[in-house]
Structure formats: structure tokens, C-alpha cells
């Protein structure tokens, strides 16, 4: 396992947001954080999400589109 993978598995999105230089990825992650999903770990399997978390994720995806 690489050290990058270890960092992503150990820390949630809030801690790893600055790691990415791509603006699209940063914006997407920021939207999920605004949807109160900042505790989600990168690489976390979707089958571990509750129904409420999946709904928040869908809402977070659409936060930036409502302009």
C-alpha cells in the first residue's frame, strides 16, 4: 500500500482537500464537505454509505450547479 493511499484512508476529505491541485476535484470535494460529508474517507466503498449519506452526496454534487 502506498503512503498516499494510507493518508487518504486514514484522514477524511477535509484533511486531504489541499492535496489536489485540480480545481474540479477541489470544488467537488468542497461541495461534499458543505453537504456535511467531510468525514467520508477517499476510496470508501459505496456499500458502506447509509441511505442518508447517499442522498447528501447527491445533493452535494448539485450544490455548484444551482446558479
Protein backbone atom coordinates (compact mmCIF):
# COMPACT_ATOMS: atom_id res chain seq x y z
CA UNK A 1 0.00 0.00 0.00
CA UNK A 2 1.42 3.38 -0.96
CA UNK A 3 1.83 6.22 1.53
CA UNK A 4 -0.67 8.31 -0.47
CA UNK A 5 -3.33 5.61 -0.13
CA UNK A 6 -2.60 5.39 3.59
CA UNK A 7 -3.14 9.15 4.01
CA UNK A 8 -6.44 9.02 2.12
CA UNK A 9 -7.68 6.05 4.12
CA UNK A 10 -6.66 7.50 7.48
CA UNK A 11 -7.97 11.03 7.03
CA UNK A 12 -11.27 12.32 5.70
CA UNK A 13 -11.83 14.76 2.88
CA UNK A 14 -11.27 17.88 4.95
CA UNK A 15 -7.70 16.83 5.74
CA UNK A 16 -6.86 15.84 2.16
CA UNK A 17 -8.61 18.66 0.25
CA UNK A 18 -5.40 20.67 -0.22
CA UNK A 19 -3.58 17.65 -1.63
CA UNK A 20 -5.27 18.05 -5.03
CA UNK A 21 -4.27 20.82 -7.42
CA UNK A 22 -7.12 20.17 -9.89
CA UNK A 23 -9.82 22.82 -9.37
CA UNK A 24 -12.62 20.44 -10.40
CA UNK A 25 -11.66 17.89 -7.75
CA UNK A 26 -11.26 20.59 -5.11
CA UNK A 27 -14.68 22.04 -5.97
CA UNK A 28 -16.35 18.61 -5.87
CA UNK A 29 -14.77 17.78 -2.52
CA UNK A 30 -15.69 21.22 -1.12
CA UNK A 31 -19.31 20.62 -2.18
CA UNK A 32 -19.36 17.30 -0.34
CA UNK A 33 -17.89 19.00 2.73
CA UNK A 34 -20.63 21.66 2.54
CA UNK A 35 -23.16 18.80 2.42
CA UNK A 36 -21.72 17.64 5.80
CA UNK A 37 -19.85 14.67 4.32
CA UNK A 38 -16.34 15.83 5.18
CA UNK A 39 -15.80 12.78 7.38
CA UNK A 40 -16.06 10.44 4.37
CA UNK A 41 -12.75 8.78 3.52
CA UNK A 42 -11.49 8.85 -0.04
CA UNK A 43 -11.77 5.41 -1.54
CA UNK A 44 -14.53 4.38 0.86
CA UNK A 45 -16.77 1.75 -0.72
CA UNK A 46 -20.29 2.92 -1.63
CA UNK A 47 -21.85 -0.11 0.05
CA UNK A 48 -20.74 1.32 3.41
CA UNK A 49 -22.83 4.50 2.96
CA UNK A 50 -26.24 4.86 4.56
CA UNK A 51 -29.24 5.99 2.52
CA UNK A 52 -28.97 9.45 4.10
CA UNK A 53 -25.30 9.75 3.19
CA UNK A 54 -26.05 8.79 -0.42
CA UNK A 55 -28.76 11.45 -0.57
CA UNK A 56 -26.40 14.07 0.91
CA UNK A 57 -23.81 13.07 -1.69
CA UNK A 58 -26.31 13.60 -4.47
CA UNK A 59 -27.22 16.99 -3.00
CA UNK A 60 -23.54 17.89 -2.64
CA UNK A 61 -22.99 17.05 -6.29
CA UNK A 62 -25.67 19.56 -7.25
CA UNK A 63 -24.62 22.42 -4.92
CA UNK A 64 -22.38 24.05 -7.53
CA UNK A 65 -24.91 23.68 -10.33
CA UNK A 66 -27.65 25.87 -8.85
CA UNK A 67 -26.61 29.17 -10.44
